Amino acid sequence: MTEGTTTKESALLEDSTFNVITQIEKKADFLYSSVEKYIRDAEKDNKPQLVKLWNTIKEDEQNHLKMLRNELIKEIKQNKFG
């Protein structure tokens, strides 16, 4: 660390990058752990509208996950990561 380096500059990740990574984890957890159970429960309870709702939410979350992943890839390519 040089004499003029601030704590912010020496941080391993910027807050905004950390936020992207955190949201990727949360969305992936929902998509790969929770939503399929919610859909199965709605099917078991014979609630087709709820199945449709969960599938719509799943699609939206998949799109959000792709957007976040693309942003992280862009930051890595711009050498803003580490």
PDB file of N, CA and C in Angstrom:
ATOM      1  N   MET A   1       0.848  -1.172   0.000  1.00  0.00           N
ATOM      2  CA  MET A   1       0.000   0.000   0.000  1.00  0.00           C
ATOM      3  C   MET A   1       0.890   1.231   0.000  1.00  0.00           C
ATOM      4  N   THR A   2       0.608   2.165  -0.880  1.00  0.00           N
ATOM      5  CA  THR A   2       1.389   3.397  -0.917  1.00  0.00           C
ATOM      6  C   THR A   2       0.890   4.336   0.157  1.00  0.00           C
ATOM      7  N   GLU A   3       1.706   5.350   0.416  1.00  0.00           N
ATOM      8  CA  GLU A   3       1.377   6.283   1.490  1.00  0.00           C
ATOM      9  C   GLU A   3       0.036   6.977   1.284  1.00  0.00           C
ATOM     10  N   GLY A   4      -0.323   7.302   0.043  1.00  0.00           N
ATOM     11  CA  GLY A   4      -1.555   8.025  -0.241  1.00  0.00           C
ATOM     12  C   GLY A   4      -2.777   7.132  -0.429  1.00  0.00           C
ATOM     13  N   THR A   5      -2.637   5.834  -0.294  1.00  0.00           N
ATOM     14  CA  THR A   5      -3.755   4.917  -0.516  1.00  0.00           C
ATOM     15  C   THR A   5      -4.748   5.001   0.637  1.00  0.00           C
ATOM     16  N   THR A   6      -6.011   5.146   0.292  1.00  0.00           N
ATOM     17  CA  THR A   6      -7.045   5.203   1.323  1.00  0.00           C
ATOM     18  C   THR A   6      -7.565   3.811   1.609  1.00  0.00           C
ATOM     19  N   THR A   7      -8.327   3.690   2.676  1.00  0.00           N
ATOM     20  CA  THR A   7      -8.943   2.403   3.019  1.00  0.00           C
ATOM     21  C   THR A   7      -9.846   1.939   1.892  1.00  0.00           C
ATOM     22  N   LYS A   8     -10.594   2.852   1.292  1.00  0.00           N
ATOM     23  CA  LYS A   8     -11.501   2.503   0.188  1.00  0.00           C
ATOM     24  C   LYS A   8     -10.724   1.905  -0.979  1.00  0.00           C
ATOM     25  N   GLU A   9      -9.575   2.490  -1.298  1.00  0.00           N
ATOM     26  CA  GLU A   9      -8.777   2.011  -2.413  1.00  0.00           C
ATOM     27  C   GLU A   9      -8.163   0.643  -2.137  1.00  0.00           C
ATOM     28  N   SER A  10      -7.921   0.346  -0.875  1.00  0.00           N
ATOM     29  CA  SER A  10      -7.272  -0.912  -0.535  1.00  0.00           C
ATOM     30  C   SER A  10      -8.274  -2.047  -0.317  1.00  0.00           C
ATOM     31  N   ALA A  11      -9.559  -1.732  -0.365  1.00  0.00           N
ATOM     32  CA  ALA A  11     -10.583  -2.768  -0.183  1.00  0.00           C
ATOM     33  C   ALA A  11     -10.496  -3.769  -1.331  1.00  0.00           C
ATOM     34  N   LEU A  12     -10.736  -5.034  -1.009  1.00  0.00           N
ATOM     35  CA  LEU A  12     -10.671  -6.068  -2.042  1.00  0.00           C
ATOM     36  C   LEU A  12     -11.808  -5.953  -3.042  1.00  0.00           C
ATOM     37  N   LEU A  13     -12.969  -5.518  -2.591  1.00  0.00           N
ATOM     38  CA  LEU A  13     -14.131  -5.354  -3.466  1.00  0.00           C
ATOM     39  C   LEU A  13     -14.785  -4.009  -3.187  1.00  0.00           C
ATOM     40  N   GLU A  14     -15.231  -3.365  -4.246  1.00  0.00           N
ATOM     41  CA  GLU A  14     -16.056  -2.177  -4.061  1.00  0.00           C
ATOM     42  C   GLU A  14     -17.409  -2.622  -3.520  1.00  0.00           C
ATOM     43  N   ASP A  15     -18.075  -1.740  -2.796  1.00  0.00           N
ATOM     44  CA  ASP A  15     -19.395  -2.068  -2.245  1.00  0.00           C
ATOM     45  C   ASP A  15     -20.362  -2.492  -3.338  1.00  0.00           C
ATOM     46  N   SER A  16     -20.339  -1.784  -4.460  1.00  0.00           N
ATOM     47  CA  SER A  16     -21.284  -2.103  -5.537  1.00  0.00           C
ATOM     48  C   SER A  16     -21.013  -3.485  -6.130  1.00  0.00           C
ATOM     49  N   THR A  17     -19.749  -3.875  -6.216  1.00  0.00           N
ATOM     50  CA  THR A  17     -19.421  -5.213  -6.710  1.00  0.00           C
ATOM     51  C   THR A  17     -19.864  -6.269  -5.709  1.00  0.00           C
ATOM     52  N   PHE A  18     -19.633  -6.002  -4.439  1.00  0.00           N
ATOM     53  CA  PHE A  18     -20.085  -6.909  -3.382  1.00  0.00           C
ATOM     54  C   PHE A  18     -21.602  -7.080  -3.449  1.00  0.00           C
ATOM     55  N   ASN A  19     -22.320  -5.997  -3.685  1.00  0.00           N
ATOM     56  CA  ASN A  19     -23.785  -6.060  -3.773  1.00  0.00           C
ATOM     57  C   ASN A  19     -24.230  -6.951  -4.928  1.00  0.00           C
ATOM     58  N   VAL A  20     -23.564  -6.850  -6.062  1.00  0.00           N
ATOM     59  CA  VAL A  20     -23.900  -7.690  -7.217  1.00  0.00           C
ATOM     60  C   VAL A  20     -23.677  -9.160  -6.859  1.00  0.00           C
ATOM     61  N   ILE A  21     -22.530  -9.458  -6.264  1.00  0.00           N
ATOM     62  CA  ILE A  21     -22.228 -10.841  -5.891  1.00  0.00           C
ATOM     63  C   ILE A  21     -23.241 -11.362  -4.878  1.00  0.00           C
ATOM     64  N   THR A  22     -23.608 -10.546  -3.909  1.00  0.00           N
ATOM     65  CA  THR A  22     -24.582 -10.945  -2.893  1.00  0.00           C
ATOM     66  C   THR A  22     -25.928 -11.266  -3.528  1.00  0.00           C
ATOM     67  N   GLN A  23     -26.361 -10.438  -4.461  1.00  0.00           N
ATOM     68  CA  GLN A  23     -27.649 -10.681  -5.110  1.00  0.00           C
ATOM     69  C   GLN A  23     -27.602 -11.903  -6.017  1.00  0.00           C
ATOM     70  N   ILE A  24     -26.471 -12.153  -6.654  1.00  0.00           N
ATOM     71  CA  ILE A  24     -26.331 -13.373  -7.452  1.00  0.00           C
ATOM     72  C   ILE A  24     -26.551 -14.580  -6.551  1.00  0.00           C
ATOM     73  N   GLU A  25     -25.937 -14.564  -5.391  1.00  0.00           N
ATOM     74  CA  GLU A  25     -26.074 -15.690  -4.443  1.00  0.00           C
ATOM     75  C   GLU A  25     -27.527 -15.858  -4.006  1.00  0.00           C
ATOM     76  N   LYS A  26     -28.194 -14.760  -3.675  1.00  0.00           N
ATOM     77  CA  LYS A  26     -29.579 -14.837  -3.209  1.00  0.00           C
ATOM     78  C   LYS A  26     -30.516 -15.349  -4.306  1.00  0.00           C
ATOM     79  N   LYS A  27     -30.341 -14.840  -5.503  1.00  0.00           N
ATOM     80  CA  LYS A  27     -31.217 -15.268  -6.597  1.00  0.00           C
ATOM     81  C   LYS A  27     -30.949 -16.720  -6.971  1.00  0.00           C
ATOM     82  N   ALA A  28     -29.679 -17.117  -6.990  1.00  0.00           N
ATOM     83  CA  ALA A  28     -29.345 -18.513  -7.301  1.00  0.00           C
ATOM     84  C   ALA A  28     -29.911 -19.438  -6.231  1.00  0.00           C
ATOM     85  N   ASP A  29     -29.835 -19.040  -4.983  1.00  0.00           N
ATOM     86  CA  ASP A  29     -30.384 -19.853  -3.901  1.00  0.00           C
ATOM     87  C   ASP A  29     -31.889 -20.030  -4.085  1.00  0.00           C
ATOM     88  N   PHE A  30     -32.589 -18.962  -4.397  1.00  0.00           N
ATOM     89  CA  PHE A  30     -34.033 -19.041  -4.628  1.00  0.00           C
ATOM     90  C   PHE A  30     -34.336 -19.958  -5.809  1.00  0.00           C
ATOM     91  N   LEU A  31     -33.599 -19.769  -6.912  1.00  0.00           N
ATOM     92  CA  LEU A  31     -33.874 -20.542  -8.125  1.00  0.00           C
ATOM     93  C   LEU A  31     -33.521 -22.013  -7.991  1.00  0.00           C
ATOM     94  N   TYR A  32     -32.477 -22.313  -7.256  1.00  0.00           N
ATOM     95  CA  TYR A  32     -32.015 -23.696  -7.196  1.00  0.00           C
ATOM     96  C   TYR A  32     -32.403 -24.423  -5.918  1.00  0.00           C
ATOM     97  N   SER A  33     -33.017 -23.705  -4.976  1.00  0.00           N
ATOM     98  CA  SER A  33     -33.402 -24.352  -3.720  1.00  0.00           C
ATOM     99  C   SER A  33     -34.887 -24.232  -3.396  1.00  0.00           C
ATOM    100  N   SER A  34     -35.489 -23.114  -3.719  1.00  0.00           N
ATOM    101  CA  SER A  34     -36.840 -22.833  -3.218  1.00  0.00           C
ATOM    102  C   SER A  34     -37.952 -22.920  -4.244  1.00  0.00           C
ATOM    103  N   VAL A  35     -37.785 -22.287  -5.379  1.00  0.00           N
ATOM    104  CA  VAL A  35     -38.914 -22.091  -6.281  1.00  0.00           C
ATOM    105  C   VAL A  35     -39.519 -23.401  -6.784  1.00  0.00           C
ATOM    106  N   GLU A  36     -38.703 -24.401  -7.033  1.00  0.00           N
ATOM    107  CA  GLU A  36     -39.258 -25.678  -7.513  1.00  0.00           C
ATOM    108  C   GLU A  36     -40.161 -26.316  -6.457  1.00  0.00           C
ATOM    109  N   LYS A  37     -39.788 -26.186  -5.201  1.00  0.00           N
ATOM    110  CA  LYS A  37     -40.638 -26.689  -4.107  1.00  0.00           C
ATOM    111  C   LYS A  37     -41.960 -25.921  -4.077  1.00  0.00           C
ATOM    112  N   TYR A  38     -41.893 -24.613  -4.249  1.00  0.00           N
ATOM    113  CA  TYR A  38     -43.111 -23.802  -4.242  1.00  0.00           C
ATOM    114  C   TYR A  38     -44.037 -24.222  -5.384  1.00  0.00           C
ATOM    115  N   ILE A  39     -43.462 -24.477  -6.546  1.00  0.00           N
ATOM    116  CA  ILE A  39     -44.264 -24.903  -7.699  1.00  0.00           C
ATOM    117  C   ILE A  39     -44.893 -26.269  -7.422  1.00  0.00           C
ATOM    118  N   ARG A  40     -44.107 -27.200  -6.911  1.00  0.00           N
ATOM    119  CA  ARG A  40     -44.643 -28.539  -6.588  1.00  0.00           C
ATOM    120  C   ARG A  40     -45.759 -28.452  -5.552  1.00  0.00           C
ATOM    121  N   ASP A  41     -45.582 -27.630  -4.533  1.00  0.00           N
ATOM    122  CA  ASP A  41     -46.624 -27.478  -3.503  1.00  0.00           C
ATOM    123  C   ASP A  41     -47.910 -26.927  -4.110  1.00  0.00           C
ATOM    124  N   ALA A  42     -47.782 -25.948  -4.989  1.00  0.00           N
ATOM    125  CA  ALA A  42     -48.971 -25.370  -5.629  1.00  0.00           C
ATOM    126  C   ALA A  42     -49.648 -26.412  -6.518  1.00  0.00           C
ATOM    127  N   GLU A  43     -48.855 -27.220  -7.221  1.00  0.00           N
ATOM    128  CA  GLU A  43     -49.425 -28.292  -8.044  1.00  0.00           C
ATOM    129  C   GLU A  43     -50.139 -29.315  -7.165  1.00  0.00           C
ATOM    130  N   LYS A  44     -49.499 -29.694  -6.069  1.00  0.00           N
ATOM    131  CA  LYS A  44     -50.080 -30.680  -5.148  1.00  0.00           C
ATOM    132  C   LYS A  44     -51.408 -30.178  -4.578  1.00  0.00           C
ATOM    133  N   ASP A  45     -51.473 -28.874  -4.303  1.00  0.00           N
ATOM    134  CA  ASP A  45     -52.685 -28.281  -3.742  1.00  0.00           C
ATOM    135  C   ASP A  45     -53.688 -27.880  -4.818  1.00  0.00           C
ATOM    136  N   ASN A  46     -53.396 -28.268  -6.078  1.00  0.00           N
ATOM    137  CA  ASN A  46     -54.287 -27.998  -7.204  1.00  0.00           C
ATOM    138  C   ASN A  46     -54.623 -26.504  -7.333  1.00  0.00           C
ATOM    139  N   LYS A  47     -53.556 -25.706  -7.397  1.00  0.00           N
ATOM    140  CA  LYS A  47     -53.706 -24.250  -7.538  1.00  0.00           C
ATOM    141  C   LYS A  47     -52.961 -23.787  -8.788  1.00  0.00           C
ATOM    142  N   PRO A  48     -53.578 -23.973  -9.952  1.00  0.00           N
ATOM    143  CA  PRO A  48     -52.893 -23.647 -11.210  1.00  0.00           C
ATOM    144  C   PRO A  48     -52.496 -22.173 -11.331  1.00  0.00           C
ATOM    145  N   GLN A  49     -53.282 -21.287 -10.768  1.00  0.00           N
ATOM    146  CA  GLN A  49     -52.926 -19.863 -10.834  1.00  0.00           C
ATOM    147  C   GLN A  49     -51.650 -19.594 -10.038  1.00  0.00           C
ATOM    148  N   LEU A  50     -51.501 -20.292  -8.920  1.00  0.00           N
ATOM    149  CA  LEU A  50     -50.293 -20.137  -8.110  1.00  0.00           C
ATOM    150  C   LEU A  50     -49.085 -20.758  -8.817  1.00  0.00           C
ATOM    151  N   VAL A  51     -49.299 -21.874  -9.493  1.00  0.00           N
ATOM    152  CA  VAL A  51     -48.223 -22.480 -10.291  1.00  0.00           C
ATOM    153  C   VAL A  51     -47.765 -21.480 -11.349  1.00  0.00           C
ATOM    154  N   LYS A  52     -48.732 -20.861 -12.011  1.00  0.00           N
ATOM    155  CA  LYS A  52     -48.414 -19.867 -13.034  1.00  0.00           C
ATOM    156  C   LYS A  52     -47.652 -18.683 -12.435  1.00  0.00           C
ATOM    157  N   LEU A  53     -48.086 -18.215 -11.285  1.00  0.00           N
ATOM    158  CA  LEU A  53     -47.418 -17.105 -10.612  1.00  0.00           C
ATOM    159  C   LEU A  53     -45.968 -17.455 -10.281  1.00  0.00           C
ATOM    160  N   TRP A  54     -45.751 -18.632  -9.685  1.00  0.00           N
ATOM    161  CA  TRP A  54     -44.391 -19.044  -9.326  1.00  0.00           C
ATOM    162  C   TRP A  54     -43.523 -19.207 -10.570  1.00  0.00           C
ATOM    163  N   ASN A  55     -44.085 -19.712 -11.643  1.00  0.00           N
ATOM    164  CA  ASN A  55     -43.312 -19.843 -12.878  1.00  0.00           C
ATOM    165  C   ASN A  55     -42.944 -18.482 -13.458  1.00  0.00           C
ATOM    166  N   THR A  56     -43.848 -17.530 -13.362  1.00  0.00           N
ATOM    167  CA  THR A  56     -43.552 -16.168 -13.824  1.00  0.00           C
ATOM    168  C   THR A  56     -42.446 -15.552 -12.977  1.00  0.00           C
ATOM    169  N   ILE A  57     -42.547 -15.709 -11.670  1.00  0.00           N
ATOM    170  CA  ILE A  57     -41.506 -15.194 -10.773  1.00  0.00           C
ATOM    171  C   ILE A  57     -40.174 -15.869 -11.066  1.00  0.00           C
ATOM    172  N   LYS A  58     -40.211 -17.171 -11.313  1.00  0.00           N
ATOM    173  CA  LYS A  58     -38.987 -17.910 -11.638  1.00  0.00           C
ATOM    174  C   LYS A  58     -38.328 -17.334 -12.892  1.00  0.00           C
ATOM    175  N   GLU A  59     -39.119 -17.097 -13.928  1.00  0.00           N
ATOM    176  CA  GLU A  59     -38.582 -16.521 -15.165  1.00  0.00           C
ATOM    177  C   GLU A  59     -37.980 -15.145 -14.923  1.00  0.00           C
ATOM    178  N   ASP A  60     -38.683 -14.328 -14.145  1.00  0.00           N
ATOM    179  CA  ASP A  60     -38.168 -12.992 -13.827  1.00  0.00           C
ATOM    180  C   ASP A  60     -36.835 -13.087 -13.079  1.00  0.00           C
ATOM    181  N   GLU A  61     -36.779 -13.972 -12.099  1.00  0.00           N
ATOM    182  CA  GLU A  61     -35.552 -14.121 -11.310  1.00  0.00           C
ATOM    183  C   GLU A  61     -34.409 -14.662 -12.166  1.00  0.00           C
ATOM    184  N   GLN A  62     -34.709 -15.552 -13.117  1.00  0.00           N
ATOM    185  CA  GLN A  62     -33.673 -16.040 -14.032  1.00  0.00           C
ATOM    186  C   GLN A  62     -33.120 -14.890 -14.862  1.00  0.00           C
ATOM    187  N   ASN A  63     -34.008 -14.009 -15.317  1.00  0.00           N
ATOM    188  CA  ASN A  63     -33.561 -12.840 -16.080  1.00  0.00           C
ATOM    189  C   ASN A  63     -32.720 -11.912 -15.214  1.00  0.00           C
ATOM    190  N   HIS A  64     -33.138 -11.692 -13.977  1.00  0.00           N
ATOM    191  CA  HIS A  64     -32.370 -10.844 -13.069  1.00  0.00           C
ATOM    192  C   HIS A  64     -30.989 -11.446 -12.803  1.00  0.00           C
ATOM    193  N   LEU A  65     -30.947 -12.761 -12.612  1.00  0.00           N
ATOM    194  CA  LEU A  65     -29.678 -13.439 -12.377  1.00  0.00           C
ATOM    195  C   LEU A  65     -28.748 -13.270 -13.587  1.00  0.00           C
ATOM    196  N   LYS A  66     -29.286 -13.391 -14.783  1.00  0.00           N
ATOM    197  CA  LYS A  66     -28.477 -13.198 -15.995  1.00  0.00           C
ATOM    198  C   LYS A  66     -27.939 -11.773 -16.066  1.00  0.00           C
ATOM    199  N   MET A  67     -28.781 -10.796 -15.734  1.00  0.00           N
ATOM    200  CA  MET A  67     -28.357  -9.397 -15.762  1.00  0.00           C
ATOM    201  C   MET A  67     -27.220  -9.153 -14.769  1.00  0.00           C
ATOM    202  N   LEU A  68     -27.364  -9.690 -13.572  1.00  0.00           N
ATOM    203  CA  LEU A  68     -26.324  -9.528 -12.553  1.00  0.00           C
ATOM    204  C   LEU A  68     -25.036 -10.229 -12.967  1.00  0.00           C
ATOM    205  N   ARG A  69     -25.167 -11.436 -13.500  1.00  0.00           N
ATOM    206  CA  ARG A  69     -23.987 -12.183 -13.958  1.00  0.00           C
ATOM    207  C   ARG A  69     -23.264 -11.415 -15.063  1.00  0.00           C
ATOM    208  N   ASN A  70     -24.006 -10.867 -16.006  1.00  0.00           N
ATOM    209  CA  ASN A  70     -23.395 -10.100 -17.093  1.00  0.00           C
ATOM    210  C   ASN A  70     -22.675  -8.861 -16.564  1.00  0.00           C
ATOM    211  N   GLU A  71     -23.248  -8.219 -15.572  1.00  0.00           N
ATOM    212  CA  GLU A  71     -22.597  -7.050 -14.972  1.00  0.00           C
ATOM    213  C   GLU A  71     -21.299  -7.454 -14.287  1.00  0.00           C
ATOM    214  N   LEU A  72     -21.310  -8.567 -13.585  1.00  0.00           N
ATOM    215  CA  LEU A  72     -20.100  -9.040 -12.918  1.00  0.00           C
ATOM    216  C   LEU A  72     -19.024  -9.398 -13.951  1.00  0.00           C
ATOM    217  N   ILE A  73     -19.418 -10.056 -15.024  1.00  0.00           N
ATOM    218  CA  ILE A  73     -18.472 -10.397 -16.095  1.00  0.00           C
ATOM    219  C   ILE A  73     -17.866  -9.129 -16.686  1.00  0.00           C
ATOM    220  N   LYS A  74     -18.696  -8.116 -16.891  1.00  0.00           N
ATOM    221  CA  LYS A  74     -18.208  -6.843 -17.434  1.00  0.00           C
ATOM    222  C   LYS A  74     -17.168  -6.219 -16.498  1.00  0.00           C
ATOM    223  N   GLU A  75     -17.428  -6.246 -15.203  1.00  0.00           N
ATOM    224  CA  GLU A  75     -16.479  -5.680 -14.246  1.00  0.00           C
ATOM    225  C   GLU A  75     -15.176  -6.475 -14.233  1.00  0.00           C
ATOM    226  N   ILE A  76     -15.271  -7.778 -14.338  1.00  0.00           N
ATOM    227  CA  ILE A  76     -14.060  -8.606 -14.362  1.00  0.00           C
ATOM    228  C   ILE A  76     -13.229  -8.283 -15.599  1.00  0.00           C
ATOM    229  N   LYS A  77     -13.893  -8.146 -16.738  1.00  0.00           N
ATOM    230  CA  LYS A  77     -13.185  -7.835 -17.986  1.00  0.00           C
ATOM    231  C   LYS A  77     -12.544  -6.442 -17.947  1.00  0.00           C
ATOM    232  N   GLN A  78     -13.112  -5.540 -17.176  1.00  0.00           N
ATOM    233  CA  GLN A  78     -12.571  -4.190 -17.050  1.00  0.00           C
ATOM    234  C   GLN A  78     -11.533  -4.105 -15.922  1.00  0.00           C
ATOM    235  N   ASN A  79     -11.142  -5.271 -15.425  1.00  0.00           N
ATOM    236  CA  ASN A  79     -10.141  -5.355 -14.345  1.00  0.00           C
ATOM    237  C   ASN A  79     -10.547  -4.582 -13.102  1.00  0.00           C
ATOM    238  N   LYS A  80     -11.828  -4.537 -12.808  1.00  0.00           N
ATOM    239  CA  LYS A  80     -12.300  -3.881 -11.598  1.00  0.00           C
ATOM    240  C   LYS A  80     -12.492  -4.894 -10.475  1.00  0.00           C
ATOM    241  N   PHE A  81     -12.048  -6.090 -10.706  1.00  0.00           N
ATOM    242  CA  PHE A  81     -12.269  -7.181  -9.749  1.00  0.00           C
ATOM    243  C   PHE A  81     -10.927  -7.655  -9.237  1.00  0.00           C
ATOM    244  N   GLY A  82     -10.578  -7.183  -8.024  1.00  0.00           N
ATOM    245  CA  GLY A  82      -9.328  -7.641  -7.420  1.00  0.00           C
ATOM    246  C   GLY A  82      -8.166  -6.901  -7.857  1.00  0.00           C
TER     247      GLY A  82
END
